[in-house]
Amino acid sequence: MPRAPAQAGRLDLAAVLRMLAGRGITRLMVEGGPTVAAAFVAADLVDAAALLRSPKTIGPDGVDALEGMPIEAMTARLTTLGREPVGEDSVEFFERA
């Protein structure tokens, strides 16, 4: 089985996605935490996103969603599709234009 190449000590995400596409996998849900999310955003490999928002602040010890990147690094590249309430929270949907 072929392995994905590394780039600067990390997987080349574009190469990983090409390998998956070659196997017929054309949609992938990425839920790996802030490091993985930031890597996909930085590589401009996000086609759609669901962003959950809360009126409550986690506090200074909270985890950044994109490993120190502002959330706009992702949302500025995508078109807003809408927002739905989820209790006191909301979920926003985004998609590449």
PDB file of N, CA and C in Angstrom:
ATOM      1  N   MET A   1       0.855  -1.168   0.000  1.00  0.00           N
ATOM      2  CA  MET A   1       0.000   0.000   0.000  1.00  0.00           C
ATOM      3  C   MET A   1       0.907   1.240   0.000  1.00  0.00           C
ATOM      4  N   PRO A   2       0.668   2.187  -0.901  1.00  0.00           N
ATOM      5  CA  PRO A   2       1.510   3.388  -0.954  1.00  0.00           C
ATOM      6  C   PRO A   2       1.307   4.281   0.269  1.00  0.00           C
ATOM      7  N   ARG A   3       2.356   4.995   0.629  1.00  0.00           N
ATOM      8  CA  ARG A   3       2.291   5.906   1.771  1.00  0.00           C
ATOM      9  C   ARG A   3       2.334   7.338   1.254  1.00  0.00           C
ATOM     10  N   ALA A   4       1.680   8.227   1.984  1.00  0.00           N
ATOM     11  CA  ALA A   4       1.675   9.647   1.612  1.00  0.00           C
ATOM     12  C   ALA A   4       3.029  10.259   1.969  1.00  0.00           C
ATOM     13  N   PRO A   5       3.514  11.156   1.124  1.00  0.00           N
ATOM     14  CA  PRO A   5       4.794  11.801   1.413  1.00  0.00           C
ATOM     15  C   PRO A   5       4.663  12.805   2.559  1.00  0.00           C
ATOM     16  N   ALA A   6       5.792  13.038   3.208  1.00  0.00           N
ATOM     17  CA  ALA A   6       5.836  14.021   4.289  1.00  0.00           C
ATOM     18  C   ALA A   6       6.400  15.328   3.757  1.00  0.00           C
ATOM     19  N   GLN A   7       6.035  16.411   4.428  1.00  0.00           N
ATOM     20  CA  GLN A   7       6.510  17.741   4.069  1.00  0.00           C
ATOM     21  C   GLN A   7       6.783  18.456   5.388  1.00  0.00           C
ATOM     22  N   ALA A   8       8.042  18.790   5.644  1.00  0.00           N
ATOM     23  CA  ALA A   8       8.447  19.444   6.894  1.00  0.00           C
ATOM     24  C   ALA A   8       8.052  18.606   8.114  1.00  0.00           C
ATOM     25  N   GLY A   9       8.195  17.298   8.004  1.00  0.00           N
ATOM     26  CA  GLY A   9       7.893  16.420   9.122  1.00  0.00           C
ATOM     27  C   GLY A   9       6.425  16.095   9.321  1.00  0.00           C
ATOM     28  N   ARG A  10       5.575  16.577   8.432  1.00  0.00           N
ATOM     29  CA  ARG A  10       4.134  16.306   8.525  1.00  0.00           C
ATOM     30  C   ARG A  10       3.646  15.758   7.205  1.00  0.00           C
ATOM     31  N   LEU A  11       2.512  15.079   7.246  1.00  0.00           N
ATOM     32  CA  LEU A  11       1.945  14.550   6.009  1.00  0.00           C
ATOM     33  C   LEU A  11       1.627  15.677   5.041  1.00  0.00           C
ATOM     34  N   ASP A  12       1.849  15.432   3.769  1.00  0.00           N
ATOM     35  CA  ASP A  12       1.445  16.351   2.709  1.00  0.00           C
ATOM     36  C   ASP A  12      -0.053  16.133   2.506  1.00  0.00           C
ATOM     37  N   LEU A  13      -0.861  17.019   3.072  1.00  0.00           N
ATOM     38  CA  LEU A  13      -2.313  16.816   3.083  1.00  0.00           C
ATOM     39  C   LEU A  13      -2.907  16.756   1.681  1.00  0.00           C
ATOM     40  N   ALA A  14      -2.402  17.566   0.760  1.00  0.00           N
ATOM     41  CA  ALA A  14      -2.914  17.527  -0.618  1.00  0.00           C
ATOM     42  C   ALA A  14      -2.645  16.151  -1.228  1.00  0.00           C
ATOM     43  N   ALA A  15      -1.479  15.588  -0.964  1.00  0.00           N
ATOM     44  CA  ALA A  15      -1.151  14.250  -1.470  1.00  0.00           C
ATOM     45  C   ALA A  15      -2.052  13.196  -0.836  1.00  0.00           C
ATOM     46  N   VAL A  16      -2.335  13.337   0.452  1.00  0.00           N
ATOM     47  CA  VAL A  16      -3.236  12.408   1.139  1.00  0.00           C
ATOM     48  C   VAL A  16      -4.612  12.440   0.480  1.00  0.00           C
ATOM     49  N   LEU A  17      -5.119  13.642   0.211  1.00  0.00           N
ATOM     50  CA  LEU A  17      -6.446  13.754  -0.409  1.00  0.00           C
ATOM     51  C   LEU A  17      -6.453  13.181  -1.820  1.00  0.00           C
ATOM     52  N   ARG A  18      -5.361  13.372  -2.566  1.00  0.00           N
ATOM     53  CA  ARG A  18      -5.278  12.774  -3.914  1.00  0.00           C
ATOM     54  C   ARG A  18      -5.295  11.250  -3.824  1.00  0.00           C
ATOM     55  N   MET A  19      -4.587  10.691  -2.851  1.00  0.00           N
ATOM     56  CA  MET A  19      -4.573   9.235  -2.676  1.00  0.00           C
ATOM     57  C   MET A  19      -5.966   8.716  -2.327  1.00  0.00           C
ATOM     58  N   LEU A  20      -6.658   9.423  -1.441  1.00  0.00           N
ATOM     59  CA  LEU A  20      -8.021   9.014  -1.081  1.00  0.00           C
ATOM     60  C   LEU A  20      -8.957   9.114  -2.280  1.00  0.00           C
ATOM     61  N   ALA A  21      -8.822  10.185  -3.067  1.00  0.00           N
ATOM     62  CA  ALA A  21      -9.657  10.347  -4.263  1.00  0.00           C
ATOM     63  C   ALA A  21      -9.407   9.205  -5.246  1.00  0.00           C
ATOM     64  N   GLY A  22      -8.151   8.769  -5.342  1.00  0.00           N
ATOM     65  CA  GLY A  22      -7.822   7.642  -6.206  1.00  0.00           C
ATOM     66  C   GLY A  22      -8.491   6.350  -5.772  1.00  0.00           C
ATOM     67  N   ARG A  23      -8.905   6.285  -4.512  1.00  0.00           N
ATOM     68  CA  ARG A  23      -9.614   5.118  -3.991  1.00  0.00           C
ATOM     69  C   ARG A  23     -11.124   5.333  -3.976  1.00  0.00           C
ATOM     70  N   GLY A  24     -11.578   6.435  -4.569  1.00  0.00           N
ATOM     71  CA  GLY A  24     -13.013   6.691  -4.651  1.00  0.00           C
ATOM     72  C   GLY A  24     -13.579   7.471  -3.480  1.00  0.00           C
ATOM     73  N   ILE A  25     -12.734   7.929  -2.564  1.00  0.00           N
ATOM     74  CA  ILE A  25     -13.210   8.708  -1.422  1.00  0.00           C
ATOM     75  C   ILE A  25     -13.162  10.175  -1.810  1.00  0.00           C
ATOM     76  N   THR A  26     -14.323  10.766  -1.997  1.00  0.00           N
ATOM     77  CA  THR A  26     -14.385  12.147  -2.479  1.00  0.00           C
ATOM     78  C   THR A  26     -14.896  13.132  -1.435  1.00  0.00           C
ATOM     79  N   ARG A  27     -15.308  12.644  -0.280  1.00  0.00           N
ATOM     80  CA  ARG A  27     -15.750  13.508   0.815  1.00  0.00           C
ATOM     81  C   ARG A  27     -15.089  13.007   2.092  1.00  0.00           C
ATOM     82  N   LEU A  28     -14.611  13.949   2.878  1.00  0.00           N
ATOM     83  CA  LEU A  28     -13.895  13.597   4.095  1.00  0.00           C
ATOM     84  C   LEU A  28     -14.288  14.560   5.203  1.00  0.00           C
ATOM     85  N   MET A  29     -14.702  14.022   6.342  1.00  0.00           N
ATOM     86  CA  MET A  29     -14.981  14.858   7.500  1.00  0.00           C
ATOM     87  C   MET A  29     -13.718  14.887   8.357  1.00  0.00           C
ATOM     88  N   VAL A  30     -13.203  16.069   8.607  1.00  0.00           N
ATOM     89  CA  VAL A  30     -11.980  16.226   9.397  1.00  0.00           C
ATOM     90  C   VAL A  30     -12.370  16.745  10.768  1.00  0.00           C
ATOM     91  N   GLU A  31     -12.067  15.975  11.787  1.00  0.00           N
ATOM     92  CA  GLU A  31     -12.388  16.359  13.152  1.00  0.00           C
ATOM     93  C   GLU A  31     -11.213  15.931  14.034  1.00  0.00           C
ATOM     94  N   GLY A  32     -10.060  16.548  13.801  1.00  0.00           N
ATOM     95  CA  GLY A  32      -8.867  16.115  14.499  1.00  0.00           C
ATOM     96  C   GLY A  32      -8.316  17.095  15.503  1.00  0.00           C
ATOM     97  N   GLY A  33      -9.024  18.158  15.800  1.00  0.00           N
ATOM     98  CA  GLY A  33      -8.524  19.136  16.748  1.00  0.00           C
ATOM     99  C   GLY A  33      -7.880  20.322  16.053  1.00  0.00           C
ATOM    100  N   PRO A  34      -7.375  21.273  16.839  1.00  0.00           N
ATOM    101  CA  PRO A  34      -6.891  22.534  16.282  1.00  0.00           C
ATOM    102  C   PRO A  34      -5.670  22.407  15.385  1.00  0.00           C
ATOM    103  N   THR A  35      -4.789  21.468  15.638  1.00  0.00           N
ATOM    104  CA  THR A  35      -3.589  21.321  14.812  1.00  0.00           C
ATOM    105  C   THR A  35      -3.950  20.830  13.414  1.00  0.00           C
ATOM    106  N   VAL A  36      -4.779  19.809  13.348  1.00  0.00           N
ATOM    107  CA  VAL A  36      -5.198  19.269  12.053  1.00  0.00           C
ATOM    108  C   VAL A  36      -6.078  20.279  11.320  1.00  0.00           C
ATOM    109  N   ALA A  37      -7.012  20.908  12.031  1.00  0.00           N
ATOM    110  CA  ALA A  37      -7.887  21.902  11.404  1.00  0.00           C
ATOM    111  C   ALA A  37      -7.067  23.055  10.817  1.00  0.00           C
ATOM    112  N   ALA A  38      -6.111  23.561  11.573  1.00  0.00           N
ATOM    113  CA  ALA A  38      -5.265  24.656  11.096  1.00  0.00           C
ATOM    114  C   ALA A  38      -4.448  24.238   9.886  1.00  0.00           C
ATOM    115  N   ALA A  39      -3.979  22.993   9.858  1.00  0.00           N
ATOM    116  CA  ALA A  39      -3.196  22.513   8.720  1.00  0.00           C
ATOM    117  C   ALA A  39      -4.046  22.471   7.450  1.00  0.00           C
ATOM    118  N   PHE A  40      -5.290  22.024   7.552  1.00  0.00           N
ATOM    119  CA  PHE A  40      -6.177  21.999   6.379  1.00  0.00           C
ATOM    120  C   PHE A  40      -6.513  23.417   5.917  1.00  0.00           C
ATOM    121  N   VAL A  41      -6.745  24.335   6.859  1.00  0.00           N
ATOM    122  CA  VAL A  41      -7.044  25.727   6.505  1.00  0.00           C
ATOM    123  C   VAL A  41      -5.825  26.366   5.842  1.00  0.00           C
ATOM    124  N   ALA A  42      -4.647  26.198   6.432  1.00  0.00           N
ATOM    125  CA  ALA A  42      -3.425  26.794   5.886  1.00  0.00           C
ATOM    126  C   ALA A  42      -3.127  26.271   4.488  1.00  0.00           C
ATOM    127  N   ALA A  43      -3.467  25.012   4.214  1.00  0.00           N
ATOM    128  CA  ALA A  43      -3.240  24.429   2.895  1.00  0.00           C
ATOM    129  C   ALA A  43      -4.379  24.732   1.929  1.00  0.00           C
ATOM    130  N   ASP A  44      -5.371  25.503   2.367  1.00  0.00           N
ATOM    131  CA  ASP A  44      -6.544  25.861   1.557  1.00  0.00           C
ATOM    132  C   ASP A  44      -7.263  24.619   1.033  1.00  0.00           C
ATOM    133  N   LEU A  45      -7.474  23.657   1.922  1.00  0.00           N
ATOM    134  CA  LEU A  45      -8.110  22.400   1.551  1.00  0.00           C
ATOM    135  C   LEU A  45      -9.495  22.230   2.174  1.00  0.00           C
ATOM    136  N   VAL A  46     -10.082  23.310   2.657  1.00  0.00           N
ATOM    137  CA  VAL A  46     -11.411  23.242   3.274  1.00  0.00           C
ATOM    138  C   VAL A  46     -12.454  23.682   2.244  1.00  0.00           C
ATOM    139  N   ASP A  47     -13.373  22.780   1.924  1.00  0.00           N
ATOM    140  CA  ASP A  47     -14.443  23.090   0.982  1.00  0.00           C
ATOM    141  C   ASP A  47     -15.752  23.422   1.678  1.00  0.00           C
ATOM    142  N   ALA A  48     -15.929  22.950   2.901  1.00  0.00           N
ATOM    143  CA  ALA A  48     -17.145  23.210   3.664  1.00  0.00           C
ATOM    144  C   ALA A  48     -16.803  23.118   5.149  1.00  0.00           C
ATOM    145  N   ALA A  49     -17.574  23.836   5.952  1.00  0.00           N
ATOM    146  CA  ALA A  49     -17.323  23.815   7.392  1.00  0.00           C
ATOM    147  C   ALA A  49     -18.615  24.079   8.141  1.00  0.00           C
ATOM    148  N   ALA A  50     -18.702  23.502   9.330  1.00  0.00           N
ATOM    149  CA  ALA A  50     -19.780  23.783  10.276  1.00  0.00           C
ATOM    150  C   ALA A  50     -19.104  24.337  11.520  1.00  0.00           C
ATOM    151  N   LEU A  51     -19.481  25.541  11.905  1.00  0.00           N
ATOM    152  CA  LEU A  51     -18.848  26.222  13.027  1.00  0.00           C
ATOM    153  C   LEU A  51     -19.870  26.384  14.139  1.00  0.00           C
ATOM    154  N   LEU A  52     -19.621  25.739  15.265  1.00  0.00           N
ATOM    155  CA  LEU A  52     -20.515  25.856  16.415  1.00  0.00           C
ATOM    156  C   LEU A  52     -20.073  27.030  17.261  1.00  0.00           C
ATOM    157  N   ARG A  53     -21.015  27.890  17.610  1.00  0.00           N
ATOM    158  CA  ARG A  53     -20.722  29.080  18.412  1.00  0.00           C
ATOM    159  C   ARG A  53     -21.586  29.076  19.657  1.00  0.00           C
ATOM    160  N   SER A  54     -21.019  29.609  20.736  1.00  0.00           N
ATOM    161  CA  SER A  54     -21.717  29.696  22.005  1.00  0.00           C
ATOM    162  C   SER A  54     -21.603  31.121  22.529  1.00  0.00           C
ATOM    163  N   PRO A  55     -22.624  31.616  23.228  1.00  0.00           N
ATOM    164  CA  PRO A  55     -22.510  32.934  23.839  1.00  0.00           C
ATOM    165  C   PRO A  55     -21.589  32.909  25.063  1.00  0.00           C
ATOM    166  N   LYS A  56     -21.245  31.719  25.532  1.00  0.00           N
ATOM    167  CA  LYS A  56     -20.385  31.582  26.706  1.00  0.00           C
ATOM    168  C   LYS A  56     -18.922  31.501  26.278  1.00  0.00           C
ATOM    169  N   THR A  57     -18.062  32.185  27.003  1.00  0.00           N
ATOM    170  CA  THR A  57     -16.633  32.146  26.742  1.00  0.00           C
ATOM    171  C   THR A  57     -16.007  31.040  27.573  1.00  0.00           C
ATOM    172  N   ILE A  58     -15.129  30.257  26.965  1.00  0.00           N
ATOM    173  CA  ILE A  58     -14.481  29.157  27.687  1.00  0.00           C
ATOM    174  C   ILE A  58     -13.494  29.704  28.710  1.00  0.00           C
ATOM    175  N   GLY A  59     -12.797  30.768  28.361  1.00  0.00           N
ATOM    176  CA  GLY A  59     -11.830  31.355  29.289  1.00  0.00           C
ATOM    177  C   GLY A  59     -10.420  31.278  28.756  1.00  0.00           C
ATOM    178  N   PRO A  60      -9.469  31.776  29.520  1.00  0.00           N
ATOM    179  CA  PRO A  60      -8.092  31.849  29.037  1.00  0.00           C
ATOM    180  C   PRO A  60      -7.439  30.488  28.821  1.00  0.00           C
ATOM    181  N   ASP A  61      -7.975  29.442  29.428  1.00  0.00           N
ATOM    182  CA  ASP A  61      -7.394  28.111  29.259  1.00  0.00           C
ATOM    183  C   ASP A  61      -8.086  27.319  28.154  1.00  0.00           C
ATOM    184  N   GLY A  62      -8.975  27.950  27.398  1.00  0.00           N
ATOM    185  CA  GLY A  62      -9.670  27.266  26.321  1.00  0.00           C
ATOM    186  C   GLY A  62      -8.731  26.936  25.171  1.00  0.00           C
ATOM    187  N   VAL A  63      -9.127  26.001  24.335  1.00  0.00           N
ATOM    188  CA  VAL A  63      -8.328  25.566  23.199  1.00  0.00           C
ATOM    189  C   VAL A  63      -8.733  26.362  21.963  1.00  0.00           C
ATOM    190  N   ASP A  64      -7.736  26.939  21.267  1.00  0.00           N
ATOM    191  CA  ASP A  64      -8.016  27.643  20.014  1.00  0.00           C
ATOM    192  C   ASP A  64      -8.559  26.654  18.987  1.00  0.00           C
ATOM    193  N   ALA A  65      -9.548  27.067  18.227  1.00  0.00           N
ATOM    194  CA  ALA A  65     -10.126  26.194  17.206  1.00  0.00           C
ATOM    195  C   ALA A  65      -9.136  25.906  16.089  1.00  0.00           C
ATOM    196  N   LEU A  66      -8.265  26.881  15.781  1.00  0.00           N
ATOM    197  CA  LEU A  66      -7.331  26.729  14.667  1.00  0.00           C
ATOM    198  C   LEU A  66      -5.889  26.970  15.092  1.00  0.00           C
ATOM    199  N   GLU A  67      -5.510  26.454  16.221  1.00  0.00           N
ATOM    200  CA  GLU A  67      -4.132  26.523  16.707  1.00  0.00           C
ATOM    201  C   GLU A  67      -3.530  27.922  16.549  1.00  0.00           C
ATOM    202  N   GLY A  68      -4.210  28.923  17.099  1.00  0.00           N
ATOM    203  CA  GLY A  68      -3.687  30.284  17.097  1.00  0.00           C
ATOM    204  C   GLY A  68      -4.084  31.121  15.896  1.00  0.00           C
ATOM    205  N   MET A  69      -4.632  30.512  14.851  1.00  0.00           N
ATOM    206  CA  MET A  69      -5.096  31.266  13.682  1.00  0.00           C
ATOM    207  C   MET A  69      -6.480  31.846  14.004  1.00  0.00           C
ATOM    208  N   PRO A  70      -6.779  33.049  13.496  1.00  0.00           N
ATOM    209  CA  PRO A  70      -8.143  33.563  13.704  1.00  0.00           C
ATOM    210  C   PRO A  70      -9.137  32.737  12.897  1.00  0.00           C
ATOM    211  N   ILE A  71     -10.340  32.608  13.388  1.00  0.00           N
ATOM    212  CA  ILE A  71     -11.367  31.813  12.702  1.00  0.00           C
ATOM    213  C   ILE A  71     -11.646  32.372  11.306  1.00  0.00           C
ATOM    214  N   GLU A  72     -11.366  33.670  11.121  1.00  0.00           N
ATOM    215  CA  GLU A  72     -11.571  34.298   9.814  1.00  0.00           C
ATOM    216  C   GLU A  72     -10.626  33.727   8.760  1.00  0.00           C
ATOM    217  N   ALA A  73      -9.536  33.100   9.168  1.00  0.00           N
ATOM    218  CA  ALA A  73      -8.633  32.458   8.207  1.00  0.00           C
ATOM    219  C   ALA A  73      -9.382  31.385   7.423  1.00  0.00           C
ATOM    220  N   MET A  74     -10.395  30.796   8.043  1.00  0.00           N
ATOM    221  CA  MET A  74     -11.211  29.797   7.360  1.00  0.00           C
ATOM    222  C   MET A  74     -12.453  30.429   6.745  1.00  0.00           C
ATOM    223  N   THR A  75     -13.186  31.205   7.530  1.00  0.00           N
ATOM    224  CA  THR A  75     -14.484  31.706   7.065  1.00  0.00           C
ATOM    225  C   THR A  75     -14.358  32.728   5.941  1.00  0.00           C
ATOM    226  N   ALA A  76     -13.243  33.453   5.846  1.00  0.00           N
ATOM    227  CA  ALA A  76     -13.069  34.450   4.786  1.00  0.00           C
ATOM    228  C   ALA A  76     -12.968  33.803   3.409  1.00  0.00           C
ATOM    229  N   ARG A  77     -12.577  32.543   3.353  1.00  0.00           N
ATOM    230  CA  ARG A  77     -12.418  31.831   2.080  1.00  0.00           C
ATOM    231  C   ARG A  77     -13.689  31.115   1.654  1.00  0.00           C
ATOM    232  N   LEU A  78     -14.692  31.112   2.529  1.00  0.00           N
ATOM    233  CA  LEU A  78     -15.913  30.358   2.284  1.00  0.00           C
ATOM    234  C   LEU A  78     -17.122  31.283   2.263  1.00  0.00           C
ATOM    235  N   THR A  79     -18.190  30.809   1.654  1.00  0.00           N
ATOM    236  CA  THR A  79     -19.451  31.541   1.608  1.00  0.00           C
ATOM    237  C   THR A  79     -20.345  31.053   2.738  1.00  0.00           C
ATOM    238  N   THR A  80     -20.972  31.974   3.442  1.00  0.00           N
ATOM    239  CA  THR A  80     -21.892  31.608   4.519  1.00  0.00           C
ATOM    240  C   THR A  80     -23.188  31.093   3.919  1.00  0.00           C
ATOM    241  N   LEU A  81     -23.608  29.907   4.342  1.00  0.00           N
ATOM    242  CA  LEU A  81     -24.862  29.318   3.858  1.00  0.00           C
ATOM    243  C   LEU A  81     -26.023  29.580   4.794  1.00  0.00           C
ATOM    244  N   GLY A  82     -25.732  29.796   6.061  1.00  0.00           N
ATOM    245  CA  GLY A  82     -26.797  30.055   7.022  1.00  0.00           C
ATOM    246  C   GLY A  82     -26.379  29.682   8.430  1.00  0.00           C
ATOM    247  N   ARG A  83     -27.311  29.945   9.347  1.00  0.00           N
ATOM    248  CA  ARG A  83     -27.077  29.689  10.761  1.00  0.00           C
ATOM    249  C   ARG A  83     -28.345  29.100  11.347  1.00  0.00           C
ATOM    250  N   GLU A  84     -28.172  28.124  12.246  1.00  0.00           N
ATOM    251  CA  GLU A  84     -29.311  27.509  12.915  1.00  0.00           C
ATOM    252  C   GLU A  84     -29.069  27.522  14.415  1.00  0.00           C
ATOM    253  N   PRO A  85     -30.117  27.789  15.198  1.00  0.00           N
ATOM    254  CA  PRO A  85     -29.961  27.720  16.651  1.00  0.00           C
ATOM    255  C   PRO A  85     -29.878  26.269  17.120  1.00  0.00           C
ATOM    256  N   VAL A  86     -29.079  26.060  18.157  1.00  0.00           N
ATOM    257  CA  VAL A  86     -28.974  24.757  18.813  1.00  0.00           C
ATOM    258  C   VAL A  86     -28.992  25.062  20.307  1.00  0.00           C
ATOM    259  N   GLY A  87     -30.180  25.138  20.878  1.00  0.00           N
ATOM    260  CA  GLY A  87     -30.300  25.576  22.265  1.00  0.00           C
ATOM    261  C   GLY A  87     -29.836  27.020  22.363  1.00  0.00           C
ATOM    262  N   GLU A  88     -28.950  27.309  23.311  1.00  0.00           N
ATOM    263  CA  GLU A  88     -28.386  28.661  23.448  1.00  0.00           C
ATOM    264  C   GLU A  88     -27.281  28.916  22.435  1.00  0.00           C
ATOM    265  N   ASP A  89     -26.778  27.855  21.822  1.00  0.00           N
ATOM    266  CA  ASP A  89     -25.688  27.959  20.856  1.00  0.00           C
ATOM    267  C   ASP A  89     -26.244  28.091  19.446  1.00  0.00           C
ATOM    268  N   SER A  90     -25.349  28.165  18.476  1.00  0.00           N
ATOM    269  CA  SER A  90     -25.760  28.159  17.079  1.00  0.00           C
ATOM    270  C   SER A  90     -24.700  27.439  16.260  1.00  0.00           C
ATOM    271  N   VAL A  91     -25.113  26.983  15.102  1.00  0.00           N
ATOM    272  CA  VAL A  91     -24.167  26.366  14.163  1.00  0.00           C
ATOM    273  C   VAL A  91     -24.273  27.140  12.854  1.00  0.00           C
ATOM    274  N   GLU A  92     -23.130  27.551  12.326  1.00  0.00           N
ATOM    275  CA  GLU A  92     -23.054  28.258  11.055  1.00  0.00           C
ATOM    276  C   GLU A  92     -22.484  27.314  10.013  1.00  0.00           C
ATOM    277  N   PHE A  93     -23.023  27.373   8.821  1.00  0.00           N
ATOM    278  CA  PHE A  93     -22.580  26.506   7.736  1.00  0.00           C
ATOM    279  C   PHE A  93     -21.889  27.350   6.668  1.00  0.00           C
ATOM    280  N   PHE A  94     -20.775  26.853   6.180  1.00  0.00           N
ATOM    281  CA  PHE A  94     -19.969  27.550   5.185  1.00  0.00           C
ATOM    282  C   PHE A  94     -19.634  26.575   4.059  1.00  0.00           C
ATOM    283  N   GLU A  95     -19.430  27.127   2.850  1.00  0.00           N
ATOM    284  CA  GLU A  95     -19.070  26.307   1.705  1.00  0.00           C
ATOM    285  C   GLU A  95     -18.214  27.128   0.755  1.00  0.00           C
ATOM    286  N   ARG A  96     -17.298  26.457   0.080  1.00  0.00           N
ATOM    287  CA  ARG A  96     -16.466  27.143  -0.921  1.00  0.00           C
ATOM    288  C   ARG A  96     -17.361  27.575  -2.079  1.00  0.00           C
ATOM    289  N   ALA A  97     -17.169  28.786  -2.539  1.00  0.00           N
ATOM    290  CA  ALA A  97     -18.008  29.324  -3.623  1.00  0.00           C
ATOM    291  C   ALA A  97     -17.733  28.607  -4.927  1.00  0.00           C
TER     292      ALA A  97
END
